[in-house]
Structures are given as C-alpha cells and as structure tokens.
C-alpha atoms as a PDB file:
ATOM      1  CA  MET A   1     117.117  81.044  25.083  1.00  0.00           C
ATOM      2  CA  THR A   2     119.707  83.010  27.033  1.00  0.00           C
ATOM      3  CA  GLU A   3     117.299  85.917  27.523  1.00  0.00           C
ATOM      4  CA  LEU A   4     114.641  83.541  28.866  1.00  0.00           C
ATOM      5  CA  LEU A   5     117.014  81.909  31.315  1.00  0.00           C
ATOM      6  CA  ASN A   6     118.475  85.219  32.441  1.00  0.00           C
ATOM      7  CA  ALA A   7     115.003  86.592  33.111  1.00  0.00           C
ATOM      8  CA  TRP A   8     113.282  83.573  34.681  1.00  0.00           C
ATOM      9  CA  ALA A   9     115.950  80.978  35.621  1.00  0.00           C
ATOM     10  CA  PRO A  10     114.599  80.317  39.140  1.00  0.00           C
ATOM     11  CA  ARG A  11     111.125  79.627  37.704  1.00  0.00           C
ATOM     12  CA  ILE A  12     112.228  77.384  34.817  1.00  0.00           C
ATOM     13  CA  ALA A  13     112.688  73.750  35.805  1.00  0.00           C
ATOM     14  CA  ARG A  14     113.678  72.600  32.326  1.00  0.00           C
ATOM     15  CA  ALA A  15     114.237  74.128  28.894  1.00  0.00           C
ATOM     16  CA  THR A  16     114.619  72.076  25.729  1.00  0.00           C
ATOM     17  CA  VAL A  17     115.627  73.184  22.254  1.00  0.00           C
ATOM     18  CA  LEU A  18     114.499  70.788  19.554  1.00  0.00           C
ATOM     19  CA  PRO A  19     115.797  71.002  16.007  1.00  0.00           C
ATOM     20  CA  SER A  20     113.194  70.920  13.279  1.00  0.00           C
ATOM     21  CA  GLY A  21     113.017  71.204   9.535  1.00  0.00           C
ATOM     22  CA  GLY A  22     111.218  73.501   7.187  1.00  0.00           C
ATOM     23  CA  GLY A  23     112.116  76.738   8.963  1.00  0.00           C
ATOM     24  CA  ARG A  24     109.776  76.051  11.862  1.00  0.00           C
ATOM     25  CA  PHE A  25     110.091  78.061  15.065  1.00  0.00           C
ATOM     26  CA  GLU A  26     107.722  77.249  17.892  1.00  0.00           C
ATOM     27  CA  VAL A  27     107.686  78.124  21.560  1.00  0.00           C
ATOM     28  CA  THR A  28     105.782  75.815  23.887  1.00  0.00           C
ATOM     29  CA  LEU A  29     105.444  76.466  27.604  1.00  0.00           C
ATOM     30  CA  ASP A  30     103.991  73.840  29.949  1.00  0.00           C
ATOM     31  CA  GLY A  31     102.611  71.974  26.934  1.00  0.00           C
ATOM     32  CA  GLU A  32     100.859  75.037  25.511  1.00  0.00           C
ATOM     33  CA  LEU A  33     101.939  76.436  22.146  1.00  0.00           C
ATOM     34  CA  ARG A  34     102.735  80.115  22.747  1.00  0.00           C
ATOM     35  CA  PHE A  35     104.224  81.069  19.366  1.00  0.00           C
ATOM     36  CA  SER A  36     104.298  79.383  15.969  1.00  0.00           C
ATOM     37  CA  LYS A  37     106.105  80.870  12.995  1.00  0.00           C
ATOM     38  CA  ALA A  38     104.204  78.459  10.733  1.00  0.00           C
ATOM     39  CA  ALA A  39     100.795  79.495  12.076  1.00  0.00           C
ATOM     40  CA  LEU A  40     101.544  83.232  11.923  1.00  0.00           C
ATOM     41  CA  ASN A  41     103.689  83.060   8.768  1.00  0.00           C
ATOM     42  CA  ARG A  42     106.296  85.369  10.310  1.00  0.00           C
ATOM     43  CA  HIS A  43     109.241  85.495  12.691  1.00  0.00           C
ATOM     44  CA  PRO A  44     108.589  86.804  16.209  1.00  0.00           C
ATOM     45  CA  ARG A  45     109.059  90.528  16.675  1.00  0.00           C
ATOM     46  CA  PRO A  46     111.891  91.611  19.004  1.00  0.00           C
ATOM     47  CA  GLY A  47     110.772  90.929  22.576  1.00  0.00           C
ATOM     48  CA  GLU A  48     107.603  89.101  21.507  1.00  0.00           C
ATOM     49  CA  VAL A  49     108.625  85.698  22.872  1.00  0.00           C
ATOM     50  CA  LEU A  50     109.733  87.278  26.152  1.00  0.00           C
ATOM     51  CA  ASP A  51     106.350  89.021  26.416  1.00  0.00           C
ATOM     52  CA  LEU A  52     104.524  85.728  25.814  1.00  0.00           C
ATOM     53  CA  VAL A  53     106.574  84.015  28.518  1.00  0.00           C
ATOM     54  CA  ALA A  54     106.022  86.935  30.917  1.00  0.00           C
ATOM     55  CA  ALA A  55     102.269  86.636  30.361  1.00  0.00           C
ATOM     56  CA  ARG A  56     102.508  83.049  31.642  1.00  0.00           C
ATOM     57  CA  LEU A  57     105.301  83.239  34.261  1.00  0.00           C
ATOM     58  CA  GLY A  58     104.892  86.793  35.490  1.00  0.00           C
ATOM     59  CA  SER A  59     107.481  89.533  35.606  1.00  0.00           C
ATOM     60  CA  PRO A  60     111.136  88.579  35.196  1.00  0.00           C
ATOM     61  CA  ILE A  61     113.041  87.780  38.375  1.00  0.00           C
ATOM     62  CA  ASP A  62     115.034  90.589  39.953  1.00  0.00           C
ATOM     63  CA  ARG A  63     118.529  89.090  39.776  1.00  0.00           C
ATOM     64  CA  ASP A  64     119.611  90.993  42.926  1.00  0.00           C
ATOM     65  CA  GLU A  65     116.951  89.061  44.800  1.00  0.00           C
ATOM     66  CA  PHE A  66     118.933  85.845  44.242  1.00  0.00           C
ATOM     67  CA  HIS A  67     122.452  87.273  44.037  1.00  0.00           C
ATOM     68  CA  PRO A  68     122.730  90.086  46.578  1.00  0.00           C
ATOM     69  CA  ALA A  69     125.750  92.355  46.204  1.00  0.00           C
END
C-alpha cells in the first residue's frame, strides 16, 4: 500500500484495505479486479501489482513535481 501511495498519491482519491479470510489477496481498481491470488493460485511477483496499477493510472508521479526542492 505504501508503494502505491508513494508512486501515485495525487491520482488516488481513496484507498481501502479490506481484511478477508482464506488467504485471499485481491487488488481492485475503479471496480475492476486487477489481481486475484485465488484466481491465479499464487502470490503476486515483486512489482507485479505496481505494474498493474501503472497500466491503469500511467507512470508514477515525479515527486519533485509536487514537492520542489
């Protein structure tokens, strides 16, 4: 979650983490399921969730753009 917010905070209006049972891990963006551990029968690879979000939101925000030195 921290990586997502650090990369796209100005583009994310709301983020919600919902607990679930059975070892489920799902990522939904704007109502669209982007990753499902249950459907793929595996954990996401390192960077996979960030890549899926980038495919939808575009490149991460350049932090200097919003916090000039």
